[in-house]
All heavy atoms as atom14 arrays in JSON, in Angstrom:
{
  "sequence": "NALGRIADRMYEAEIITVFAQEQYLQPAEELERRLSALGYAIHIESNP",
  "atom14_mask": [
    [1, 1, 1, 1, 1, 1, 1, 1, 0, 0, 0, 0, 0, 0],
    [1, 1, 1, 1, 1, 0, 0, 0, 0, 0, 0, 0, 0, 0],
    [1, 1, 1, 1, 1, 1, 1, 1, 0, 0, 0, 0, 0, 0],
    [1, 1, 1, 1, 0, 0, 0, 0, 0, 0, 0, 0, 0, 0],
    [1, 1, 1, 1, 1, 1, 1, 1, 1, 1, 1, 0, 0, 0],
    [1, 1, 1, 1, 1, 1, 1, 1, 0, 0, 0, 0, 0, 0],
    [1, 1, 1, 1, 1, 0, 0, 0, 0, 0, 0, 0, 0, 0],
    [1, 1, 1, 1, 1, 1, 1, 1, 0, 0, 0, 0, 0, 0],
    [1, 1, 1, 1, 1, 1, 1, 1, 1, 1, 1, 0, 0, 0],
    [1, 1, 1, 1, 1, 1, 1, 1, 0, 0, 0, 0, 0, 0],
    [1, 1, 1, 1, 1, 1, 1, 1, 1, 1, 1, 1, 0, 0],
    [1, 1, 1, 1, 1, 1, 1, 1, 1, 0, 0, 0, 0, 0],
    [1, 1, 1, 1, 1, 0, 0, 0, 0, 0, 0, 0, 0, 0],
    [1, 1, 1, 1, 1, 1, 1, 1, 1, 0, 0, 0, 0, 0],
    [1, 1, 1, 1, 1, 1, 1, 1, 0, 0, 0, 0, 0, 0],
    [1, 1, 1, 1, 1, 1, 1, 1, 0, 0, 0, 0, 0, 0],
    [1, 1, 1, 1, 1, 1, 1, 0, 0, 0, 0, 0, 0, 0],
    [1, 1, 1, 1, 1, 1, 1, 0, 0, 0, 0, 0, 0, 0],
    [1, 1, 1, 1, 1, 1, 1, 1, 1, 1, 1, 0, 0, 0],
    [1, 1, 1, 1, 1, 0, 0, 0, 0, 0, 0, 0, 0, 0],
    [1, 1, 1, 1, 1, 1, 1, 1, 1, 0, 0, 0, 0, 0],
    [1, 1, 1, 1, 1, 1, 1, 1, 1, 0, 0, 0, 0, 0],
    [1, 1, 1, 1, 1, 1, 1, 1, 1, 0, 0, 0, 0, 0],
    [1, 1, 1, 1, 1, 1, 1, 1, 1, 1, 1, 1, 0, 0],
    [1, 1, 1, 1, 1, 1, 1, 1, 0, 0, 0, 0, 0, 0],
    [1, 1, 1, 1, 1, 1, 1, 1, 1, 0, 0, 0, 0, 0],
    [1, 1, 1, 1, 1, 1, 1, 0, 0, 0, 0, 0, 0, 0],
    [1, 1, 1, 1, 1, 0, 0, 0, 0, 0, 0, 0, 0, 0],
    [1, 1, 1, 1, 1, 1, 1, 1, 1, 0, 0, 0, 0, 0],
    [1, 1, 1, 1, 1, 1, 1, 1, 1, 0, 0, 0, 0, 0],
    [1, 1, 1, 1, 1, 1, 1, 1, 0, 0, 0, 0, 0, 0],
    [1, 1, 1, 1, 1, 1, 1, 1, 1, 0, 0, 0, 0, 0],
    [1, 1, 1, 1, 1, 1, 1, 1, 1, 1, 1, 0, 0, 0],
    [1, 1, 1, 1, 1, 1, 1, 1, 1, 1, 1, 0, 0, 0],
    [1, 1, 1, 1, 1, 1, 1, 1, 0, 0, 0, 0, 0, 0],
    [1, 1, 1, 1, 1, 1, 0, 0, 0, 0, 0, 0, 0, 0],
    [1, 1, 1, 1, 1, 0, 0, 0, 0, 0, 0, 0, 0, 0],
    [1, 1, 1, 1, 1, 1, 1, 1, 0, 0, 0, 0, 0, 0],
    [1, 1, 1, 1, 0, 0, 0, 0, 0, 0, 0, 0, 0, 0],
    [1, 1, 1, 1, 1, 1, 1, 1, 1, 1, 1, 1, 0, 0],
    [1, 1, 1, 1, 1, 0, 0, 0, 0, 0, 0, 0, 0, 0],
    [1, 1, 1, 1, 1, 1, 1, 1, 0, 0, 0, 0, 0, 0],
    [1, 1, 1, 1, 1, 1, 1, 1, 1, 1, 0, 0, 0, 0],
    [1, 1, 1, 1, 1, 1, 1, 1, 0, 0, 0, 0, 0, 0],
    [1, 1, 1, 1, 1, 1, 1, 1, 1, 0, 0, 0, 0, 0],
    [1, 1, 1, 1, 1, 1, 0, 0, 0, 0, 0, 0, 0, 0],
    [1, 1, 1, 1, 1, 1, 1, 1, 0, 0, 0, 0, 0, 0],
    [1, 1, 1, 1, 1, 1, 1, 0, 0, 0, 0, 0, 0, 0]
  ],
  "atom14_positions": [
    [[-3.2, 12.54, 12.62], [-3.29, 13.57, 11.58], [-2.39, 13.19, 10.4], [-2.8, 13.3, 9.24], [-2.89, 14.93, 12.14], [-3.93, 15.48, 13.1], [-5.12, 15.25, 12.94], [-3.48, 16.21, 14.11], [0.0, 0.0, 0.0], [0.0, 0.0, 0.0], [0.0, 0.0, 0.0], [0.0, 0.0, 0.0], [0.0, 0.0, 0.0], [0.0, 0.0, 0.0]],
    [[-1.16, 12.77, 10.7], [-0.24, 12.37, 9.64], [-0.74, 11.13, 8.92], [-0.67, 11.03, 7.69], [1.16, 12.12, 10.21], [0.0, 0.0, 0.0], [0.0, 0.0, 0.0], [0.0, 0.0, 0.0], [0.0, 0.0, 0.0], [0.0, 0.0, 0.0], [0.0, 0.0, 0.0], [0.0, 0.0, 0.0], [0.0, 0.0, 0.0], [0.0, 0.0, 0.0]],
    [[-1.28, 10.17, 9.68], [-1.79, 8.95, 9.06], [-3.01, 9.27, 8.19], [-3.19, 8.69, 7.11], [-2.16, 7.92, 10.13], [-2.44, 6.5, 9.61], [-1.23, 5.93, 8.89], [-2.84, 5.58, 10.77], [0.0, 0.0, 0.0], [0.0, 0.0, 0.0], [0.0, 0.0, 0.0], [0.0, 0.0, 0.0], [0.0, 0.0, 0.0], [0.0, 0.0, 0.0]],
    [[-3.81, 10.21, 8.63], [-4.95, 10.64, 7.82], [-4.52, 11.27, 6.51], [-5.15, 11.06, 5.46], [0.0, 0.0, 0.0], [0.0, 0.0, 0.0], [0.0, 0.0, 0.0], [0.0, 0.0, 0.0], [0.0, 0.0, 0.0], [0.0, 0.0, 0.0], [0.0, 0.0, 0.0], [0.0, 0.0, 0.0], [0.0, 0.0, 0.0], [0.0, 0.0, 0.0]],
    [[-3.43, 12.04, 6.56], [-2.92, 12.66, 5.32], [-2.38, 11.59, 4.36], [-2.53, 11.71, 3.14], [-1.84, 13.69, 5.65], [-2.4, 14.92, 6.37], [-1.38, 16.04, 6.4], [-0.18, 15.71, 7.15], [-0.03, 15.92, 8.45], [-1.02, 16.45, 9.16], [1.08, 15.61, 9.07], [0.0, 0.0, 0.0], [0.0, 0.0, 0.0], [0.0, 0.0, 0.0]],
    [[-1.75, 10.55, 4.9], [-1.29, 9.45, 4.05], [-2.49, 8.76, 3.41], [-2.47, 8.45, 2.21], [-0.47, 8.43, 4.88], [0.88, 9.06, 5.28], [-0.22, 7.15, 4.08], [1.74, 8.18, 6.18], [0.0, 0.0, 0.0], [0.0, 0.0, 0.0], [0.0, 0.0, 0.0], [0.0, 0.0, 0.0], [0.0, 0.0, 0.0], [0.0, 0.0, 0.0]],
    [[-3.54, 8.54, 4.19], [-4.76, 7.92, 3.65], [-5.35, 8.79, 2.53], [-5.79, 8.26, 1.5], [-5.78, 7.71, 4.76], [0.0, 0.0, 0.0], [0.0, 0.0, 0.0], [0.0, 0.0, 0.0], [0.0, 0.0, 0.0], [0.0, 0.0, 0.0], [0.0, 0.0, 0.0], [0.0, 0.0, 0.0], [0.0, 0.0, 0.0], [0.0, 0.0, 0.0]],
    [[-5.34, 10.11, 2.71], [-5.86, 11.01, 1.68], [-5.08, 10.87, 0.37], [-5.66, 10.8, -0.72], [-5.77, 12.47, 2.15], [-6.81, 12.79, 3.22], [-7.81, 12.06, 3.31], [-6.6, 13.76, 3.96], [0.0, 0.0, 0.0], [0.0, 0.0, 0.0], [0.0, 0.0, 0.0], [0.0, 0.0, 0.0], [0.0, 0.0, 0.0], [0.0, 0.0, 0.0]],
    [[-3.76, 10.82, 0.48], [-2.91, 10.7, -0.71], [-3.16, 9.36, -1.41], [-3.24, 9.29, -2.64], [-1.44, 10.84, -0.34], [-1.01, 12.27, 0.01], [0.47, 12.3, 0.34], [0.93, 13.64, 0.69], [1.42, 14.52, -0.17], [1.51, 14.2, -1.45], [1.85, 15.7, 0.24], [0.0, 0.0, 0.0], [0.0, 0.0, 0.0], [0.0, 0.0, 0.0]],
    [[-3.29, 8.29, -0.63], [-3.53, 6.98, -1.23], [-4.91, 6.9, -1.86], [-5.09, 6.27, -2.91], [-3.35, 5.89, -0.17], [-1.91, 5.75, 0.32], [-1.7, 4.56, 1.69], [-2.07, 3.01, 0.85], [0.0, 0.0, 0.0], [0.0, 0.0, 0.0], [0.0, 0.0, 0.0], [0.0, 0.0, 0.0], [0.0, 0.0, 0.0], [0.0, 0.0, 0.0]],
    [[-5.89, 7.53, -1.23], [-7.26, 7.51, -1.75], [-7.34, 8.21, -3.11], [-8.08, 7.79, -4.01], [-8.18, 8.2, -0.75], [-9.63, 8.28, -1.18], [-10.43, 7.14, -1.19], [-10.19, 9.49, -1.56], [-11.76, 7.2, -1.59], [-11.52, 9.56, -1.96], [-12.3, 8.42, -1.97], [-13.62, 8.49, -2.36], [0.0, 0.0, 0.0], [0.0, 0.0, 0.0]],
    [[-6.58, 9.28, -3.27], [-6.61, 10.08, -4.49], [-5.66, 9.56, -5.57], [-5.69, 10.02, -6.72], [-6.28, 11.53, -4.17], [-7.32, 12.19, -3.26], [-6.83, 13.49, -2.66], [-5.68, 13.89, -2.97], [-7.59, 14.11, -1.89], [0.0, 0.0, 0.0], [0.0, 0.0, 0.0], [0.0, 0.0, 0.0], [0.0, 0.0, 0.0], [0.0, 0.0, 0.0]],
    [[-4.8, 8.6, -5.23], [-3.78, 8.13, -6.16], [-4.36, 7.25, -7.27], [-5.33, 6.52, -7.05], [-2.7, 7.35, -5.42], [0.0, 0.0, 0.0], [0.0, 0.0, 0.0], [0.0, 0.0, 0.0], [0.0, 0.0, 0.0], [0.0, 0.0, 0.0], [0.0, 0.0, 0.0], [0.0, 0.0, 0.0], [0.0, 0.0, 0.0], [0.0, 0.0, 0.0]],
    [[-3.76, 7.34, -8.44], [-4.13, 6.45, -9.54], [-3.51, 5.07, -9.34], [-4.08, 4.06, -9.74], [-3.7, 7.06, -10.87], [-4.44, 8.35, -11.22], [-3.95, 8.96, -12.52], [-3.14, 8.29, -13.22], [-4.35, 10.09, -12.83], [0.0, 0.0, 0.0], [0.0, 0.0, 0.0], [0.0, 0.0, 0.0], [0.0, 0.0, 0.0], [0.0, 0.0, 0.0]],
    [[-2.33, 5.06, -8.76], [-1.65, 3.8, -8.46], [-0.8, 3.98, -7.22], [-0.23, 5.05, -6.99], [-0.76, 3.32, -9.65], [-0.19, 1.94, -9.37], [0.34, 4.33, -9.96], [0.45, 1.28, -10.57], [0.0, 0.0, 0.0], [0.0, 0.0, 0.0], [0.0, 0.0, 0.0], [0.0, 0.0, 0.0], [0.0, 0.0, 0.0], [0.0, 0.0, 0.0]],
    [[-0.76, 2.94, -6.39], [0.02, 2.96, -5.15], [1.1, 1.9, -5.25], [0.81, 0.73, -5.53], [-0.87, 2.65, -3.93], [-2.04, 3.65, -3.84], [-0.06, 2.67, -2.65], [-3.15, 3.19, -2.91], [0.0, 0.0, 0.0], [0.0, 0.0, 0.0], [0.0, 0.0, 0.0], [0.0, 0.0, 0.0], [0.0, 0.0, 0.0], [0.0, 0.0, 0.0]],
    [[2.34, 2.3, -5.03], [3.45, 1.34, -5.0], [4.0, 1.3, -3.58], [4.32, 2.33, -2.99], [4.56, 1.73, -5.98], [4.04, 1.71, -7.31], [5.72, 0.74, -5.89], [0.0, 0.0, 0.0], [0.0, 0.0, 0.0], [0.0, 0.0, 0.0], [0.0, 0.0, 0.0], [0.0, 0.0, 0.0], [0.0, 0.0, 0.0], [0.0, 0.0, 0.0]],
    [[4.11, 0.09, -3.05], [4.59, -0.1, -1.68], [6.0, -0.69, -1.73], [6.24, -1.7, -2.4], [3.67, -1.05, -0.89], [4.19, -1.24, 0.54], [2.24, -0.5, -0.87], [0.0, 0.0, 0.0], [0.0, 0.0, 0.0], [0.0, 0.0, 0.0], [0.0, 0.0, 0.0], [0.0, 0.0, 0.0], [0.0, 0.0, 0.0], [0.0, 0.0, 0.0]],
    [[6.92, -0.06, -1.03], [8.28, -0.57, -0.86], [8.4, -1.05, 0.59], [8.31, -0.25, 1.51], [9.32, 0.52, -1.15], [9.27, 1.04, -2.55], [8.43, 2.1, -2.89], [10.05, 0.49, -3.55], [8.37, 2.6, -4.18], [10.01, 0.97, -4.85], [9.16, 2.03, -5.16], [0.0, 0.0, 0.0], [0.0, 0.0, 0.0], [0.0, 0.0, 0.0]],
    [[8.57, -2.36, 0.79], [8.54, -2.93, 2.13], [9.85, -3.61, 2.49], [10.38, -4.4, 1.7], [7.39, -3.92, 2.26], [0.0, 0.0, 0.0], [0.0, 0.0, 0.0], [0.0, 0.0, 0.0], [0.0, 0.0, 0.0], [0.0, 0.0, 0.0], [0.0, 0.0, 0.0], [0.0, 0.0, 0.0], [0.0, 0.0, 0.0], [0.0, 0.0, 0.0]],
    [[10.35, -3.3, 3.68], [11.51, -4.02, 4.22], [11.11, -5.47, 4.46], [9.95, -5.77, 4.79], [11.94, -3.36, 5.54], [13.26, -3.86, 6.09], [13.65, -3.12, 7.36], [12.95, -2.21, 7.81], [14.78, -3.49, 7.94], [0.0, 0.0, 0.0], [0.0, 0.0, 0.0], [0.0, 0.0, 0.0], [0.0, 0.0, 0.0], [0.0, 0.0, 0.0]],
    [[12.04, -6.39, 4.27], [11.73, -7.83, 4.27], [10.94, -8.27, 5.5], [9.96, -9.01, 5.38], [13.03, -8.63, 4.18], [12.8, -10.14, 4.11], [14.1, -10.92, 4.0], [15.18, -10.28, 3.98], [14.03, -12.14, 3.94], [0.0, 0.0, 0.0], [0.0, 0.0, 0.0], [0.0, 0.0, 0.0], [0.0, 0.0, 0.0], [0.0, 0.0, 0.0]],
    [[11.34, -7.79, 6.71], [10.67, -8.24, 7.93], [9.22, -7.77, 8.02], [8.45, -8.28, 8.83], [11.43, -7.74, 9.17], [12.85, -8.27, 9.29], [13.85, -7.3, 8.71], [13.63, -6.74, 7.64], [14.96, -7.09, 9.41], [0.0, 0.0, 0.0], [0.0, 0.0, 0.0], [0.0, 0.0, 0.0], [0.0, 0.0, 0.0], [0.0, 0.0, 0.0]],
    [[8.86, -6.78, 7.2], [7.52, -6.19, 7.3], [6.7, -6.42, 6.02], [5.73, -5.72, 5.76], [7.64, -4.7, 7.63], [8.52, -4.51, 8.85], [9.84, -4.11, 8.71], [8.05, -4.82, 10.12], [10.67, -4.0, 9.82], [8.86, -4.71, 11.23], [10.18, -4.31, 11.07], [10.99, -4.2, 12.18], [0.0, 0.0, 0.0], [0.0, 0.0, 0.0]],
    [[7.1, -7.44, 5.27], [6.35, -7.79, 4.06], [4.95, -8.3, 4.4], [3.99, -8.06, 3.66], [7.1, -8.86, 3.26], [8.08, -8.35, 2.2], [8.83, -9.52, 1.58], [7.35, -7.55, 1.13], [0.0, 0.0, 0.0], [0.0, 0.0, 0.0], [0.0, 0.0, 0.0], [0.0, 0.0, 0.0], [0.0, 0.0, 0.0], [0.0, 0.0, 0.0]],
    [[4.82, -9.01, 5.51], [3.51, -9.58, 5.85], [2.45, -8.5, 6.03], [1.37, -8.59, 5.41], [3.62, -10.45, 7.11], [2.31, -11.13, 7.47], [2.45, -12.06, 8.66], [3.54, -12.45, 9.05], [1.33, -12.42, 9.25], [0.0, 0.0, 0.0], [0.0, 0.0, 0.0], [0.0, 0.0, 0.0], [0.0, 0.0, 0.0], [0.0, 0.0, 0.0]],
    [[2.68, -7.45, 6.85], [1.67, -6.4, 6.94], [1.45, -5.69, 5.62], [0.32, -5.3, 5.29], [2.21, -5.44, 8.0], [3.46, -6.01, 8.52], [3.75, -7.28, 7.82], [0.0, 0.0, 0.0], [0.0, 0.0, 0.0], [0.0, 0.0, 0.0], [0.0, 0.0, 0.0], [0.0, 0.0, 0.0], [0.0, 0.0, 0.0], [0.0, 0.0, 0.0]],
    [[2.52, -5.53, 4.82], [2.39, -4.87, 3.52], [1.53, -5.71, 2.58], [0.66, -5.18, 1.87], [3.77, -4.65, 2.91], [0.0, 0.0, 0.0], [0.0, 0.0, 0.0], [0.0, 0.0, 0.0], [0.0, 0.0, 0.0], [0.0, 0.0, 0.0], [0.0, 0.0, 0.0], [0.0, 0.0, 0.0], [0.0, 0.0, 0.0], [0.0, 0.0, 0.0]],
    [[1.75, -7.02, 2.57], [0.98, -7.9, 1.69], [-0.49, -7.96, 2.11], [-1.38, -8.03, 1.27], [1.59, -9.3, 1.7], [2.93, -9.36, 0.97], [3.66, -10.67, 1.17], [3.27, -11.45, 2.08], [4.64, -10.92, 0.44], [0.0, 0.0, 0.0], [0.0, 0.0, 0.0], [0.0, 0.0, 0.0], [0.0, 0.0, 0.0], [0.0, 0.0, 0.0]],
    [[-0.74, -7.92, 3.41], [-2.11, -7.92, 3.9], [-2.82, -6.63, 3.47], [-3.99, -6.66, 3.06], [-2.13, -8.05, 5.42], [-3.51, -8.1, 6.05], [-4.27, -9.38, 5.73], [-3.67, -10.31, 5.16], [-5.47, -9.43, 6.04], [0.0, 0.0, 0.0], [0.0, 0.0, 0.0], [0.0, 0.0, 0.0], [0.0, 0.0, 0.0], [0.0, 0.0, 0.0]],
    [[-2.11, -5.5, 3.56], [-2.69, -4.23, 3.14], [-2.98, -4.25, 1.64], [-4.04, -3.79, 1.18], [-1.74, -3.08, 3.48], [-2.22, -1.66, 3.14], [-3.47, -1.31, 3.94], [-1.11, -0.64, 3.41], [0.0, 0.0, 0.0], [0.0, 0.0, 0.0], [0.0, 0.0, 0.0], [0.0, 0.0, 0.0], [0.0, 0.0, 0.0], [0.0, 0.0, 0.0]],
    [[-2.04, -4.8, 0.86], [-2.24, -4.9, -0.59], [-3.46, -5.75, -0.91], [-4.29, -5.39, -1.76], [-1.0, -5.5, -1.24], [-1.14, -5.68, -2.76], [-0.09, -6.6, -3.34], [0.28, -7.58, -2.67], [0.35, -6.33, -4.47], [0.0, 0.0, 0.0], [0.0, 0.0, 0.0], [0.0, 0.0, 0.0], [0.0, 0.0, 0.0], [0.0, 0.0, 0.0]],
    [[-3.6, -6.89, -0.25], [-4.72, -7.79, -0.52], [-6.05, -7.11, -0.21], [-7.0, -7.18, -1.0], [-4.57, -9.06, 0.33], [-5.64, -10.11, 0.06], [-5.57, -11.25, 1.04], [-5.84, -10.84, 2.4], [-7.08, -10.61, 2.87], [-8.13, -10.75, 2.08], [-7.24, -10.25, 4.11], [0.0, 0.0, 0.0], [0.0, 0.0, 0.0], [0.0, 0.0, 0.0]],
    [[-6.12, -6.44, 0.91], [-7.37, -5.79, 1.31], [-7.75, -4.65, 0.36], [-8.91, -4.52, -0.03], [-7.24, -5.25, 2.73], [-7.15, -6.31, 3.81], [-6.82, -5.66, 5.13], [-6.91, -6.58, 6.25], [-6.61, -6.26, 7.51], [-6.21, -5.03, 7.78], [-6.72, -7.14, 8.47], [0.0, 0.0, 0.0], [0.0, 0.0, 0.0], [0.0, 0.0, 0.0]],
    [[-6.76, -3.82, 0.03], [-7.06, -2.67, -0.83], [-7.34, -3.1, -2.27], [-8.17, -2.48, -2.94], [-5.9, -1.66, -0.79], [-5.7, -0.94, 0.55], [-4.56, 0.06, 0.46], [-6.99, -0.24, 1.0], [0.0, 0.0, 0.0], [0.0, 0.0, 0.0], [0.0, 0.0, 0.0], [0.0, 0.0, 0.0], [0.0, 0.0, 0.0], [0.0, 0.0, 0.0]],
    [[-6.68, -4.13, -2.73], [-6.96, -4.65, -4.08], [-8.4, -5.12, -4.18], [-9.07, -4.91, -5.19], [-6.02, -5.82, -4.41], [-4.69, -5.37, -4.53], [0.0, 0.0, 0.0], [0.0, 0.0, 0.0], [0.0, 0.0, 0.0], [0.0, 0.0, 0.0], [0.0, 0.0, 0.0], [0.0, 0.0, 0.0], [0.0, 0.0, 0.0], [0.0, 0.0, 0.0]],
    [[-8.9, -5.74, -3.1], [-10.29, -6.21, -3.09], [-11.28, -5.06, -3.18], [-12.41, -5.23, -3.63], [-10.55, -7.02, -1.83], [0.0, 0.0, 0.0], [0.0, 0.0, 0.0], [0.0, 0.0, 0.0], [0.0, 0.0, 0.0], [0.0, 0.0, 0.0], [0.0, 0.0, 0.0], [0.0, 0.0, 0.0], [0.0, 0.0, 0.0], [0.0, 0.0, 0.0]],
    [[-10.84, -3.85, -2.77], [-11.7, -2.68, -2.84], [-11.53, -1.91, -4.16], [-12.16, -0.87, -4.35], [-11.41, -1.73, -1.67], [-11.67, -2.28, -0.27], [-11.35, -1.22, 0.78], [-13.1, -2.76, -0.12], [0.0, 0.0, 0.0], [0.0, 0.0, 0.0], [0.0, 0.0, 0.0], [0.0, 0.0, 0.0], [0.0, 0.0, 0.0], [0.0, 0.0, 0.0]],
    [[-10.67, -2.42, -5.02], [-10.49, -1.8, -6.33], [-9.31, -0.86, -6.45], [-9.14, -0.2, -7.48], [0.0, 0.0, 0.0], [0.0, 0.0, 0.0], [0.0, 0.0, 0.0], [0.0, 0.0, 0.0], [0.0, 0.0, 0.0], [0.0, 0.0, 0.0], [0.0, 0.0, 0.0], [0.0, 0.0, 0.0], [0.0, 0.0, 0.0], [0.0, 0.0, 0.0]],
    [[-8.47, -0.8, -5.43], [-7.28, 0.06, -5.52], [-6.23, -0.59, -6.4], [-6.03, -1.81, -6.36], [-6.68, 0.29, -4.13], [-7.44, 1.3, -3.28], [-8.55, 0.91, -2.54], [-7.05, 2.63, -3.23], [-9.25, 1.82, -1.76], [-7.74, 3.55, -2.46], [-8.83, 3.13, -1.73], [-9.52, 4.05, -0.97], [0.0, 0.0, 0.0], [0.0, 0.0, 0.0]],
    [[-5.55, 0.23, -7.2], [-4.42, -0.25, -7.99], [-3.18, -0.14, -7.11], [-2.61, 0.93, -6.93], [-4.25, 0.6, -9.24], [0.0, 0.0, 0.0], [0.0, 0.0, 0.0], [0.0, 0.0, 0.0], [0.0, 0.0, 0.0], [0.0, 0.0, 0.0], [0.0, 0.0, 0.0], [0.0, 0.0, 0.0], [0.0, 0.0, 0.0], [0.0, 0.0, 0.0]],
    [[-2.78, -1.26, -6.51], [-1.68, -1.26, -5.54], [-0.73, -2.4, -5.86], [-1.15, -3.5, -6.24], [-2.23, -1.35, -4.1], [-1.07, -1.33, -3.08], [-3.15, -2.55, -3.91], [-1.54, -1.18, -1.64], [0.0, 0.0, 0.0], [0.0, 0.0, 0.0], [0.0, 0.0, 0.0], [0.0, 0.0, 0.0], [0.0, 0.0, 0.0], [0.0, 0.0, 0.0]],
    [[0.56, -2.12, -5.71], [1.61, -3.09, -6.06], [2.72, -3.01, -5.03], [3.11, -1.91, -4.61], [2.17, -2.77, -7.45], [3.44, -3.49, -7.77], [3.46, -4.81, -8.18], [4.74, -3.08, -7.75], [4.72, -5.17, -8.38], [5.51, -4.15, -8.13], [0.0, 0.0, 0.0], [0.0, 0.0, 0.0], [0.0, 0.0, 0.0], [0.0, 0.0, 0.0]],
    [[3.22, -4.18, -4.6], [4.36, -4.22, -3.68], [5.63, -4.46, -4.47], [5.71, -5.4, -5.27], [4.2, -5.33, -2.62], [3.04, -5.0, -1.69], [5.48, -5.47, -1.8], [2.81, -6.06, -0.62], [0.0, 0.0, 0.0], [0.0, 0.0, 0.0], [0.0, 0.0, 0.0], [0.0, 0.0, 0.0], [0.0, 0.0, 0.0], [0.0, 0.0, 0.0]],
    [[6.63, -3.62, -4.24], [7.94, -3.81, -4.86], [8.94, -4.16, -3.76], [9.41, -3.3, -3.02], [8.38, -2.53, -5.59], [9.67, -2.7, -6.37], [9.61, -3.87, -7.33], [8.97, -3.75, -8.37], [10.21, -4.93, -7.0], [0.0, 0.0, 0.0], [0.0, 0.0, 0.0], [0.0, 0.0, 0.0], [0.0, 0.0, 0.0], [0.0, 0.0, 0.0]],
    [[9.23, -5.46, -3.62], [10.14, -5.93, -2.57], [11.49, -6.36, -3.1], [12.38, -6.72, -2.33], [9.49, -7.1, -1.81], [9.17, -8.16, -2.71], [0.0, 0.0, 0.0], [0.0, 0.0, 0.0], [0.0, 0.0, 0.0], [0.0, 0.0, 0.0], [0.0, 0.0, 0.0], [0.0, 0.0, 0.0], [0.0, 0.0, 0.0], [0.0, 0.0, 0.0]],
    [[11.66, -6.32, -4.43], [12.93, -6.72, -5.04], [13.84, -5.5, -5.18], [13.57, -4.62, -6.0], [12.67, -7.33, -6.42], [13.94, -7.84, -7.08], [15.05, -7.55, -6.65], [13.79, -8.6, -8.16], [0.0, 0.0, 0.0], [0.0, 0.0, 0.0], [0.0, 0.0, 0.0], [0.0, 0.0, 0.0], [0.0, 0.0, 0.0], [0.0, 0.0, 0.0]],
    [[14.93, -5.42, -4.39], [15.81, -4.24, -4.46], [16.37, -3.99, -5.85], [16.59, -2.83, -6.23], [16.94, -4.6, -3.47], [16.35, -5.62, -2.56], [15.39, -6.4, -3.41], [0.0, 0.0, 0.0], [0.0, 0.0, 0.0], [0.0, 0.0, 0.0], [0.0, 0.0, 0.0], [0.0, 0.0, 0.0], [0.0, 0.0, 0.0], [0.0, 0.0, 0.0]]
  ]
}
């Protein structure tokens, strides 16, 4: 239910910014690549 609500917010967003801890950049980058291919405006901010 909570994950579905996150998906709803991301679906309706004009832009999505992802803040990822260093060890979990790989799953974050994979999510960014996939969603970008679908036309989502998504950006990873990994620089503190």
